């Protein structure tokens, strides 16, 4: 069993024991099972999934870090939302605006480009989770 703790700046979102966790890291998705090797990684926008006794749950996370140590997974993230908490219209609008900015002749800095790309990834993750994918 793995102790999973998900914390945002506003509150502790989740604190329970689970069988497995999958997190979207900067280098790709990482599956975590009991006795996983220690790990620290930054998170990218995507869907975090965890399972417990055969039941699987998902939520969107964006920004922050994950730390794995001694059968404990700590996720410190800017955003953690379950499917029912997602405003689909707002996510669509955010996606469309980011695509418009990135699709035009982008003349901003590399940091601005990365911020828009992150915004696009976050919106797409929200829409995927809200659609049940």
Protein backbone atom coordinates (compact mmCIF):
# COMPACT_ATOMS: atom_id res chain seq x y z
CA UNK A 1 0.00 0.00 0.00
CA UNK A 2 1.03 3.57 -0.72
CA UNK A 3 0.18 6.67 1.27
CA UNK A 4 -0.93 9.30 -1.28
CA UNK A 5 -1.10 12.93 -0.26
CA UNK A 6 -2.15 15.66 -2.72
CA UNK A 7 -1.81 19.26 -1.55
CA UNK A 8 -2.53 22.58 -3.28
CA UNK A 9 -1.71 26.03 -1.88
CA UNK A 10 -5.34 26.26 -0.69
CA UNK A 11 -5.92 22.87 0.95
CA UNK A 12 -5.10 19.20 1.36
CA UNK A 13 -7.07 17.60 -1.49
CA UNK A 14 -6.41 13.93 -0.79
CA UNK A 15 -4.78 11.91 2.00
CA UNK A 16 -5.42 8.15 1.85
CA UNK A 17 -3.78 4.80 1.27
CA UNK A 18 -3.97 3.46 -2.31
CA UNK A 19 -2.66 0.51 -4.34
CA UNK A 20 -1.04 2.47 -7.19
CA UNK A 21 -0.55 5.99 -8.55
CA UNK A 22 0.21 7.37 -12.01
CA UNK A 23 1.48 10.95 -12.26
CA UNK A 24 2.27 13.20 -15.26
CA UNK A 25 5.88 14.26 -14.75
CA UNK A 26 8.00 16.56 -16.88
CA UNK A 27 9.65 13.48 -18.44
CA UNK A 28 6.43 11.49 -19.01
CA UNK A 29 3.91 9.49 -17.04
CA UNK A 30 5.28 7.56 -14.07
CA UNK A 31 3.50 4.58 -12.55
CA UNK A 32 4.14 4.09 -8.86
CA UNK A 33 3.58 0.82 -7.02
CA UNK A 34 4.54 -0.17 -3.44
CA UNK A 35 8.29 -0.14 -2.77
CA UNK A 36 8.98 2.25 -5.67
CA UNK A 37 12.46 3.74 -5.79
CA UNK A 38 12.79 7.24 -4.32
CA UNK A 39 11.92 9.94 -6.84
CA UNK A 40 11.52 13.70 -7.04
CA UNK A 41 10.17 15.23 -10.25
CA UNK A 42 8.37 18.30 -11.46
CA UNK A 43 4.80 17.81 -12.68
CA UNK A 44 3.36 18.86 -15.98
CA UNK A 45 -0.33 19.42 -16.61
CA UNK A 46 -2.12 16.14 -17.00
CA UNK A 47 -4.21 13.48 -15.33
CA UNK A 48 -3.14 11.89 -12.07
CA UNK A 49 -4.76 8.48 -11.52
CA UNK A 50 -4.83 6.27 -8.46
CA UNK A 51 -6.46 2.95 -7.72
CA UNK A 52 -7.58 1.32 -4.54
CA UNK A 53 -9.06 -2.17 -4.33
CA UNK A 54 -9.86 -2.18 -8.04
CA UNK A 55 -11.56 1.23 -8.08
CA UNK A 56 -9.77 3.89 -10.12
CA UNK A 57 -10.07 7.65 -9.64
CA UNK A 58 -8.59 10.50 -11.66
CA UNK A 59 -7.94 14.21 -11.27
CA UNK A 60 -6.23 16.96 -13.22
CA UNK A 61 -3.02 18.32 -11.74
CA UNK A 62 -0.98 21.22 -13.01
CA UNK A 63 2.37 22.55 -11.88
CA UNK A 64 4.29 21.53 -8.80
CA UNK A 65 6.26 18.48 -7.76
CA UNK A 66 5.92 14.83 -6.82
CA UNK A 67 8.10 13.08 -4.25
CA UNK A 68 8.17 9.32 -3.74
CA UNK A 69 9.84 7.91 -0.64
CA UNK A 70 9.22 4.91 1.64
CA UNK A 71 5.79 4.01 0.20
CA UNK A 72 4.62 7.61 0.42
CA UNK A 73 3.74 9.76 -2.60
CA UNK A 74 3.52 13.48 -1.92
CA UNK A 75 2.08 15.65 -4.69
CA UNK A 76 2.45 19.40 -4.21
CA UNK A 77 0.55 21.01 -7.07
CA UNK A 78 -0.92 24.36 -8.09
CA UNK A 79 -4.19 22.76 -9.25
CA UNK A 80 -5.94 19.47 -8.40
CA UNK A 81 -9.47 19.05 -9.77
CA UNK A 82 -11.82 16.09 -10.04
CA UNK A 83 -14.06 15.72 -13.11
CA UNK A 84 -17.10 17.15 -11.32
CA UNK A 85 -15.21 20.31 -10.36
CA UNK A 86 -14.24 21.24 -13.92
CA UNK A 87 -16.01 24.10 -15.69
CA UNK A 88 -16.07 22.65 -19.21
CA UNK A 89 -16.98 25.94 -20.93
CA UNK A 90 -14.15 27.78 -19.18
CA UNK A 91 -11.73 24.98 -20.12
CA UNK A 92 -12.85 25.14 -23.77
CA UNK A 93 -12.41 28.91 -23.80
CA UNK A 94 -8.95 28.61 -22.23
CA UNK A 95 -7.95 25.95 -24.79
CA UNK A 96 -9.23 28.01 -27.73
CA UNK A 97 -7.46 31.17 -26.53
CA UNK A 98 -4.17 29.32 -26.02
CA UNK A 99 -4.43 27.67 -29.44
CA UNK A 100 -5.10 31.07 -31.01
CA UNK A 101 -2.05 32.61 -29.35
CA UNK A 102 0.21 29.66 -30.19
CA UNK A 103 -1.19 29.27 -33.70
CA UNK A 104 -0.49 32.84 -34.74
CA UNK A 105 2.97 34.14 -35.49
CA UNK A 106 4.05 34.08 -31.84
CA UNK A 107 6.36 36.97 -31.11
CA UNK A 108 6.74 36.64 -27.35
CA UNK A 109 9.60 35.33 -25.26
CA UNK A 110 10.38 31.66 -24.70
CA UNK A 111 8.92 31.95 -21.18
CA UNK A 112 5.67 33.36 -22.57
CA UNK A 113 5.53 30.54 -25.12
CA UNK A 114 6.03 27.93 -22.37
CA UNK A 115 3.31 29.57 -20.25
CA UNK A 116 0.84 29.45 -23.15
CA UNK A 117 1.77 25.87 -23.92
CA UNK A 118 1.22 24.94 -20.24
CA UNK A 119 -2.15 26.71 -20.36
CA UNK A 120 -3.09 24.67 -23.44
CA UNK A 121 -2.00 21.38 -21.83
CA UNK A 122 -3.95 22.19 -18.64
CA UNK A 123 -7.12 22.99 -20.61
CA UNK A 124 -6.79 19.81 -22.68
CA UNK A 125 -6.31 17.70 -19.56
CA UNK A 126 -9.39 19.26 -17.98
CA UNK A 127 -11.48 18.57 -21.10
CA UNK A 128 -10.23 14.97 -21.32
CA UNK A 129 -11.08 14.27 -17.69
CA UNK A 130 -14.48 15.96 -17.94
CA UNK A 131 -15.24 13.83 -21.04
CA UNK A 132 -14.37 10.69 -19.08
CA UNK A 133 -11.19 9.81 -20.93
